Amino acid sequence: MSIIEKLTSFKADWIDVGFIKIAVFAAALLFAKLWEPLLSLDWYWYLIISVAAVIKPVITVYKWIGLAVSK
């Protein structure tokens, strides 16, 4: 079994997901602290980035709900 197959079959539990969220949040704060021009952007840039980042997970959830309902 290749490493890619192992990674694609990995199922994280809620504790792993929580720690990943905390780590990403801390890294984002560190990045903003070290690069101050990032915090000088207008509010709508943050909204655009957030919407762009959430599109794929939302599509995945809708597909998963559709598959769960059809079973």
N, C-alpha and C. Protein backbone atom coordinates (compact mmCIF):
# COMPACT_ATOMS: atom_id res chain seq x y z
N MET A 1 0.86 -1.18 0.00
CA MET A 1 0.00 0.00 0.00
C MET A 1 0.90 1.24 0.00
N SER A 2 0.66 2.14 -0.95
CA SER A 2 1.48 3.34 -1.04
C SER A 2 1.06 4.36 0.02
N ILE A 3 1.90 5.34 0.22
CA ILE A 3 1.61 6.36 1.23
C ILE A 3 0.39 7.20 0.83
N ILE A 4 0.18 7.40 -0.46
CA ILE A 4 -0.98 8.17 -0.91
C ILE A 4 -2.27 7.40 -0.60
N GLU A 5 -2.27 6.09 -0.81
CA GLU A 5 -3.44 5.29 -0.47
C GLU A 5 -3.71 5.31 1.02
N LYS A 6 -2.64 5.29 1.82
CA LYS A 6 -2.81 5.35 3.27
C LYS A 6 -3.38 6.70 3.69
N LEU A 7 -2.89 7.77 3.08
CA LEU A 7 -3.38 9.10 3.43
C LEU A 7 -4.84 9.30 3.02
N THR A 8 -5.23 8.77 1.88
CA THR A 8 -6.61 8.96 1.43
C THR A 8 -7.60 8.11 2.22
N SER A 9 -7.12 7.05 2.85
CA SER A 9 -8.03 6.22 3.64
C SER A 9 -8.03 6.60 5.12
N PHE A 10 -7.27 7.62 5.51
CA PHE A 10 -7.21 8.05 6.91
C PHE A 10 -8.51 8.71 7.33
N LYS A 11 -9.01 8.31 8.48
CA LYS A 11 -10.22 8.89 9.05
C LYS A 11 -9.87 9.53 10.39
N ALA A 12 -9.97 10.84 10.46
CA ALA A 12 -9.63 11.56 11.69
C ALA A 12 -10.84 11.59 12.62
N ASP A 13 -10.59 11.44 13.92
CA ASP A 13 -11.70 11.57 14.86
C ASP A 13 -11.84 13.04 15.26
N TRP A 14 -12.81 13.34 16.08
CA TRP A 14 -13.11 14.74 16.40
C TRP A 14 -11.98 15.41 17.17
N ILE A 15 -11.21 14.66 17.94
CA ILE A 15 -10.08 15.26 18.68
C ILE A 15 -9.00 15.70 17.70
N ASP A 16 -8.69 14.86 16.70
CA ASP A 16 -7.71 15.23 15.69
C ASP A 16 -8.14 16.49 14.93
N VAL A 17 -9.39 16.54 14.55
CA VAL A 17 -9.91 17.69 13.82
C VAL A 17 -9.82 18.95 14.67
N GLY A 18 -10.14 18.84 15.95
CA GLY A 18 -10.05 19.98 16.86
C GLY A 18 -8.63 20.50 16.98
N PHE A 19 -7.67 19.58 17.13
CA PHE A 19 -6.27 20.00 17.22
C PHE A 19 -5.77 20.63 15.92
N ILE A 20 -6.23 20.13 14.79
CA ILE A 20 -5.86 20.72 13.50
C ILE A 20 -6.40 22.14 13.41
N LYS A 21 -7.63 22.35 13.85
CA LYS A 21 -8.22 23.69 13.83
C LYS A 21 -7.43 24.65 14.71
N ILE A 22 -7.06 24.21 15.89
CA ILE A 22 -6.29 25.05 16.81
C ILE A 22 -4.93 25.39 16.20
N ALA A 23 -4.27 24.39 15.59
CA ALA A 23 -2.96 24.61 14.99
C ALA A 23 -3.04 25.59 13.82
N VAL A 24 -4.06 25.47 12.99
CA VAL A 24 -4.22 26.38 11.85
C VAL A 24 -4.52 27.79 12.33
N PHE A 25 -5.37 27.91 13.35
CA PHE A 25 -5.69 29.22 13.91
C PHE A 25 -4.44 29.88 14.48
N ALA A 26 -3.64 29.13 15.22
CA ALA A 26 -2.41 29.67 15.81
C ALA A 26 -1.41 30.06 14.72
N ALA A 27 -1.30 29.25 13.68
CA ALA A 27 -0.38 29.58 12.58
C ALA A 27 -0.84 30.84 11.85
N ALA A 28 -2.15 31.00 11.68
CA ALA A 28 -2.66 32.21 11.02
C ALA A 28 -2.38 33.45 11.87
N LEU A 29 -2.55 33.34 13.18
CA LEU A 29 -2.23 34.46 14.06
C LEU A 29 -0.74 34.80 14.02
N LEU A 30 0.09 33.76 14.01
CA LEU A 30 1.54 33.99 13.93
C LEU A 30 1.90 34.68 12.62
N PHE A 31 1.32 34.22 11.52
CA PHE A 31 1.58 34.81 10.21
C PHE A 31 1.16 36.27 10.19
N ALA A 32 -0.01 36.57 10.76
CA ALA A 32 -0.49 37.95 10.81
C ALA A 32 0.39 38.81 11.70
N LYS A 33 0.91 38.23 12.78
CA LYS A 33 1.78 38.98 13.69
C LYS A 33 3.12 39.31 13.02
N LEU A 34 3.64 38.36 12.24
CA LEU A 34 4.95 38.57 11.62
C LEU A 34 4.88 39.43 10.37
N TRP A 35 3.75 39.44 9.68
CA TRP A 35 3.61 40.21 8.45
C TRP A 35 2.45 41.18 8.60
N GLU A 36 2.72 42.34 9.16
CA GLU A 36 1.69 43.32 9.51
C GLU A 36 0.86 43.85 8.34
N PRO A 37 1.40 43.96 7.11
CA PRO A 37 0.55 44.44 6.01
C PRO A 37 -0.69 43.55 5.77
N LEU A 38 -0.62 42.30 6.19
CA LEU A 38 -1.77 41.42 6.04
C LEU A 38 -2.99 41.96 6.79
N LEU A 39 -2.77 42.56 7.93
CA LEU A 39 -3.87 43.07 8.74
C LEU A 39 -4.40 44.41 8.24
N SER A 40 -3.73 45.00 7.27
CA SER A 40 -4.17 46.30 6.77
C SER A 40 -5.13 46.18 5.58
N LEU A 41 -5.49 44.96 5.20
CA LEU A 41 -6.43 44.78 4.09
C LEU A 41 -7.83 45.22 4.51
N ASP A 42 -8.62 45.63 3.53
CA ASP A 42 -10.02 45.97 3.80
C ASP A 42 -10.79 44.71 4.14
N TRP A 43 -11.93 44.89 4.80
CA TRP A 43 -12.72 43.75 5.29
C TRP A 43 -13.18 42.83 4.20
N TYR A 44 -13.49 43.38 3.02
CA TYR A 44 -14.05 42.54 1.96
C TYR A 44 -13.04 41.54 1.41
N TRP A 45 -11.73 41.81 1.52
CA TRP A 45 -10.73 40.84 1.09
C TRP A 45 -10.78 39.59 1.97
N TYR A 46 -10.97 39.79 3.25
CA TYR A 46 -11.09 38.65 4.15
C TYR A 46 -12.35 37.84 3.83
N LEU A 47 -13.43 38.52 3.48
CA LEU A 47 -14.67 37.84 3.10
C LEU A 47 -14.48 37.05 1.81
N ILE A 48 -13.83 37.63 0.82
CA ILE A 48 -13.59 36.94 -0.45
C ILE A 48 -12.73 35.69 -0.23
N ILE A 49 -11.68 35.82 0.56
CA ILE A 49 -10.81 34.68 0.84
C ILE A 49 -11.57 33.60 1.59
N SER A 50 -12.40 33.98 2.54
CA SER A 50 -13.18 33.01 3.31
C SER A 50 -14.16 32.26 2.42
N VAL A 51 -14.87 32.99 1.57
CA VAL A 51 -15.84 32.35 0.68
C VAL A 51 -15.12 31.41 -0.30
N ALA A 52 -14.00 31.85 -0.84
CA ALA A 52 -13.24 31.00 -1.77
C ALA A 52 -12.74 29.73 -1.08
N ALA A 53 -12.35 29.84 0.18
CA ALA A 53 -11.82 28.68 0.90
C ALA A 53 -12.91 27.71 1.32
N VAL A 54 -14.13 28.17 1.46
CA VAL A 54 -15.20 27.31 1.97
C VAL A 54 -15.98 26.61 0.85
N ILE A 55 -15.77 26.98 -0.39
CA ILE A 55 -16.54 26.41 -1.49
C ILE A 55 -16.36 24.89 -1.58
N LYS A 56 -15.14 24.41 -1.61
CA LYS A 56 -14.88 22.96 -1.74
C LYS A 56 -15.45 22.16 -0.58
N PRO A 57 -15.22 22.54 0.69
CA PRO A 57 -15.81 21.76 1.77
C PRO A 57 -17.35 21.74 1.73
N VAL A 58 -17.97 22.83 1.35
CA VAL A 58 -19.43 22.87 1.28
C VAL A 58 -19.93 21.93 0.18
N ILE A 59 -19.28 21.93 -0.96
CA ILE A 59 -19.66 21.02 -2.04
C ILE A 59 -19.52 19.58 -1.59
N THR A 60 -18.43 19.27 -0.88
CA THR A 60 -18.22 17.92 -0.38
C THR A 60 -19.31 17.51 0.60
N VAL A 61 -19.70 18.40 1.48
CA VAL A 61 -20.76 18.09 2.45
C VAL A 61 -22.08 17.86 1.73
N TYR A 62 -22.42 18.68 0.75
CA TYR A 62 -23.66 18.49 0.01
C TYR A 62 -23.67 17.15 -0.73
N LYS A 63 -22.53 16.77 -1.32
CA LYS A 63 -22.45 15.48 -1.99
C LYS A 63 -22.61 14.35 -0.98
N TRP A 64 -21.99 14.48 0.19
CA TRP A 64 -22.07 13.45 1.22
C TRP A 64 -23.52 13.32 1.74
N ILE A 65 -24.18 14.44 1.93
CA ILE A 65 -25.58 14.41 2.38
C ILE A 65 -26.44 13.75 1.30
N GLY A 66 -26.19 14.07 0.06
CA GLY A 66 -26.95 13.44 -1.03
C GLY A 66 -26.74 11.94 -1.08
N LEU A 67 -25.53 11.49 -0.86
CA LEU A 67 -25.25 10.05 -0.86
C LEU A 67 -25.88 9.39 0.36
N ALA A 68 -25.85 10.06 1.51
CA ALA A 68 -26.41 9.48 2.73
C ALA A 68 -27.92 9.37 2.64
N VAL A 69 -28.56 10.33 2.00
CA VAL A 69 -30.02 10.31 1.89
C VAL A 69 -30.46 9.25 0.90
N SER A 70 -29.70 9.07 -0.17
CA SER A 70 -30.11 8.12 -1.22
C SER A 70 -29.93 6.67 -0.81
N LYS A 71 -29.20 6.39 0.26
CA LYS A 71 -28.98 4.99 0.69
C LYS A 71 -30.16 4.43 1.38
